[in-house]
Every structure is written in structure tokens, then in C-alpha cells.
Amino acid sequence: MDGSGIPNPGMVISFDWNNVNFADHYGIVEKVENGYVYTIEGNLKDAVRRGYWKIGNEQIMGYGWIS
């Protein structure tokens, strides 16, 4: 799944913040509403914070489950 898919709450979201074509930041999907994915991320502005991203954002690499 790429960043244009619709994730489920509890999934891991991966980002490519440095444009190096591999995931270099992760978060947990909290919810999806109105075309946005809401996340809980560590080291977001040097703290654990909630964030939100438009579905399809070019920095979102994809979503997955941890087993």
C-alpha cells in the first residue's frame, strides 16, 4: 500500500521525510477523517505529538500492521 491508501486505526504509518526513497520516520494511525490521517508520532518537533496528514501526501510511504 502506498500513501494514497486509506489506513485503519492502529496501523503504522511510514514517512520518507528526507526524500531518500526509504522510510525514515514512523507513527501510529489514530483515526482517518475527511481525507486526513491523524497520527501519534515520536520525535515530532522533538516530542511525542499528534499530527495530521492529507491522504496521498508525497511524504507518506505507506501503512502496515506490526505482528
N, C-alpha and C. Protein backbone atom coordinates (compact mmCIF):
# COMPACT_ATOMS: atom_id res chain seq x y z
N MET A 1 0.85 -1.17 0.00
CA MET A 1 0.00 0.00 0.00
C MET A 1 0.89 1.24 0.00
N ASP A 2 0.57 2.21 -0.80
CA ASP A 2 1.32 3.47 -0.79
C ASP A 2 0.57 4.51 0.03
N GLY A 3 1.03 5.73 0.00
CA GLY A 3 0.45 6.78 0.82
C GLY A 3 -0.93 7.24 0.40
N SER A 4 -1.45 6.72 -0.72
CA SER A 4 -2.77 7.13 -1.15
C SER A 4 -3.87 6.20 -0.64
N GLY A 5 -3.50 5.10 0.01
CA GLY A 5 -4.48 4.17 0.56
C GLY A 5 -5.15 4.75 1.80
N ILE A 6 -6.19 4.09 2.24
CA ILE A 6 -6.90 4.51 3.45
C ILE A 6 -6.51 3.54 4.57
N PRO A 7 -5.79 4.02 5.59
CA PRO A 7 -5.36 3.14 6.67
C PRO A 7 -6.46 2.92 7.71
N ASN A 8 -6.23 1.94 8.56
CA ASN A 8 -7.10 1.68 9.71
C ASN A 8 -6.41 2.17 10.98
N PRO A 9 -7.19 2.59 11.98
CA PRO A 9 -6.60 2.96 13.26
C PRO A 9 -5.75 1.80 13.80
N GLY A 10 -4.61 2.16 14.38
CA GLY A 10 -3.68 1.18 14.92
C GLY A 10 -2.58 0.78 13.96
N MET A 11 -2.72 1.10 12.68
CA MET A 11 -1.67 0.79 11.72
C MET A 11 -0.46 1.69 11.93
N VAL A 12 0.68 1.20 11.51
CA VAL A 12 1.90 2.02 11.47
C VAL A 12 1.89 2.81 10.18
N ILE A 13 2.27 4.06 10.24
CA ILE A 13 2.41 4.90 9.06
C ILE A 13 3.90 5.20 8.90
N SER A 14 4.41 5.06 7.69
CA SER A 14 5.83 5.35 7.44
C SER A 14 5.95 6.54 6.51
N PHE A 15 6.99 7.32 6.78
CA PHE A 15 7.24 8.55 6.02
C PHE A 15 8.65 8.53 5.44
N ASP A 16 8.83 9.20 4.33
CA ASP A 16 10.15 9.48 3.76
C ASP A 16 10.35 10.99 3.83
N TRP A 17 10.82 11.46 4.98
CA TRP A 17 10.99 12.89 5.18
C TRP A 17 12.19 13.46 4.45
N ASN A 18 13.20 12.63 4.20
CA ASN A 18 14.44 13.14 3.60
C ASN A 18 14.56 12.88 2.10
N ASN A 19 13.49 12.41 1.47
CA ASN A 19 13.50 12.12 0.03
C ASN A 19 14.62 11.18 -0.38
N VAL A 20 14.81 10.11 0.41
CA VAL A 20 15.86 9.14 0.11
C VAL A 20 15.27 7.79 -0.30
N ASN A 21 13.97 7.75 -0.52
CA ASN A 21 13.26 6.57 -1.02
C ASN A 21 13.26 5.40 -0.04
N PHE A 22 13.36 5.68 1.25
CA PHE A 22 13.11 4.67 2.27
C PHE A 22 12.54 5.37 3.51
N ALA A 23 11.85 4.61 4.32
CA ALA A 23 11.18 5.19 5.49
C ALA A 23 12.20 5.65 6.52
N ASP A 24 12.06 6.89 6.96
CA ASP A 24 12.96 7.42 7.98
C ASP A 24 12.20 8.05 9.15
N HIS A 25 10.88 7.81 9.20
CA HIS A 25 10.07 8.29 10.32
C HIS A 25 8.80 7.45 10.35
N TYR A 26 8.30 7.16 11.57
CA TYR A 26 7.12 6.32 11.73
C TYR A 26 6.17 6.93 12.74
N GLY A 27 4.92 6.55 12.64
CA GLY A 27 3.92 6.93 13.62
C GLY A 27 2.85 5.86 13.69
N ILE A 28 1.84 6.10 14.50
CA ILE A 28 0.70 5.20 14.64
C ILE A 28 -0.54 5.96 14.17
N VAL A 29 -1.36 5.31 13.36
CA VAL A 29 -2.60 5.92 12.88
C VAL A 29 -3.61 5.93 14.03
N GLU A 30 -4.10 7.10 14.35
CA GLU A 30 -5.12 7.25 15.38
C GLU A 30 -6.52 7.17 14.78
N LYS A 31 -6.73 7.89 13.68
CA LYS A 31 -8.04 7.89 13.02
C LYS A 31 -7.89 8.46 11.61
N VAL A 32 -8.93 8.30 10.82
CA VAL A 32 -9.00 8.88 9.48
C VAL A 32 -10.32 9.61 9.37
N GLU A 33 -10.25 10.89 8.98
CA GLU A 33 -11.46 11.70 8.83
C GLU A 33 -11.26 12.73 7.73
N ASN A 34 -12.28 12.88 6.90
CA ASN A 34 -12.34 13.95 5.91
C ASN A 34 -11.08 14.07 5.06
N GLY A 35 -10.53 12.93 4.64
CA GLY A 35 -9.36 12.94 3.77
C GLY A 35 -8.03 13.13 4.47
N TYR A 36 -8.02 13.08 5.80
CA TYR A 36 -6.79 13.23 6.57
C TYR A 36 -6.57 12.02 7.45
N VAL A 37 -5.32 11.66 7.63
CA VAL A 37 -4.94 10.62 8.58
C VAL A 37 -4.33 11.32 9.79
N TYR A 38 -4.86 11.01 10.96
CA TYR A 38 -4.40 11.60 12.21
C TYR A 38 -3.48 10.60 12.89
N THR A 39 -2.35 11.07 13.38
CA THR A 39 -1.30 10.19 13.87
C THR A 39 -0.83 10.58 15.27
N ILE A 40 -0.16 9.62 15.89
CA ILE A 40 0.62 9.88 17.09
C ILE A 40 2.05 9.50 16.73
N GLU A 41 2.96 10.45 16.86
CA GLU A 41 4.34 10.25 16.41
C GLU A 41 5.33 10.66 17.49
N GLY A 42 6.41 9.92 17.58
CA GLY A 42 7.52 10.30 18.43
C GLY A 42 8.45 11.20 17.65
N ASN A 43 9.12 12.07 18.33
CA ASN A 43 10.08 13.00 17.73
C ASN A 43 9.44 13.88 16.66
N LEU A 44 8.23 14.30 16.89
CA LEU A 44 7.59 15.29 16.03
C LEU A 44 7.77 16.63 16.74
N LYS A 45 8.65 17.46 16.21
CA LYS A 45 9.06 18.71 16.88
C LYS A 45 9.65 18.41 18.25
N ASP A 46 10.49 17.36 18.29
CA ASP A 46 11.22 16.94 19.50
C ASP A 46 10.33 16.50 20.66
N ALA A 47 9.16 15.96 20.35
CA ALA A 47 8.26 15.47 21.39
C ALA A 47 7.34 14.40 20.80
N VAL A 48 6.61 13.70 21.65
CA VAL A 48 5.55 12.82 21.19
C VAL A 48 4.32 13.70 21.01
N ARG A 49 3.79 13.71 19.79
CA ARG A 49 2.68 14.62 19.47
C ARG A 49 1.70 13.96 18.52
N ARG A 50 0.56 14.55 18.45
CA ARG A 50 -0.41 14.20 17.42
C ARG A 50 -0.09 15.03 16.18
N GLY A 51 -0.28 14.39 15.03
CA GLY A 51 -0.11 15.09 13.76
C GLY A 51 -1.25 14.73 12.83
N TYR A 52 -1.34 15.40 11.71
CA TYR A 52 -2.32 15.03 10.70
C TYR A 52 -1.73 15.31 9.33
N TRP A 53 -2.11 14.44 8.39
CA TRP A 53 -1.54 14.47 7.05
C TRP A 53 -2.65 14.20 6.05
N LYS A 54 -2.65 14.93 4.96
CA LYS A 54 -3.61 14.68 3.89
C LYS A 54 -3.29 13.32 3.28
N ILE A 55 -4.31 12.50 3.11
CA ILE A 55 -4.09 11.20 2.47
C ILE A 55 -3.53 11.46 1.07
N GLY A 56 -2.47 10.74 0.73
CA GLY A 56 -1.80 10.94 -0.54
C GLY A 56 -0.62 11.89 -0.47
N ASN A 57 -0.36 12.46 0.71
CA ASN A 57 0.80 13.33 0.89
C ASN A 57 2.05 12.60 0.38
N GLU A 58 2.88 13.29 -0.38
CA GLU A 58 4.04 12.66 -1.01
C GLU A 58 5.05 12.11 -0.02
N GLN A 59 5.03 12.56 1.22
CA GLN A 59 5.97 12.05 2.21
C GLN A 59 5.51 10.75 2.86
N ILE A 60 4.23 10.40 2.71
CA ILE A 60 3.73 9.14 3.26
C ILE A 60 4.15 8.02 2.33
N MET A 61 4.90 7.06 2.87
CA MET A 61 5.33 5.91 2.07
C MET A 61 4.28 4.80 2.08
N GLY A 62 3.60 4.62 3.21
CA GLY A 62 2.60 3.56 3.28
C GLY A 62 2.20 3.27 4.71
N TYR A 63 1.40 2.21 4.85
CA TYR A 63 0.85 1.81 6.13
C TYR A 63 1.01 0.32 6.28
N GLY A 64 1.04 -0.16 7.53
CA GLY A 64 1.14 -1.59 7.74
C GLY A 64 0.82 -1.95 9.17
N TRP A 65 0.74 -3.26 9.38
CA TRP A 65 0.50 -3.81 10.72
C TRP A 65 1.79 -4.38 11.26
N ILE A 66 1.98 -4.29 12.56
CA ILE A 66 3.10 -4.94 13.22
C ILE A 66 2.56 -6.21 13.85
N SER A 67 3.21 -7.31 13.56
CA SER A 67 2.73 -8.58 14.14
C SER A 67 3.71 -9.12 15.14
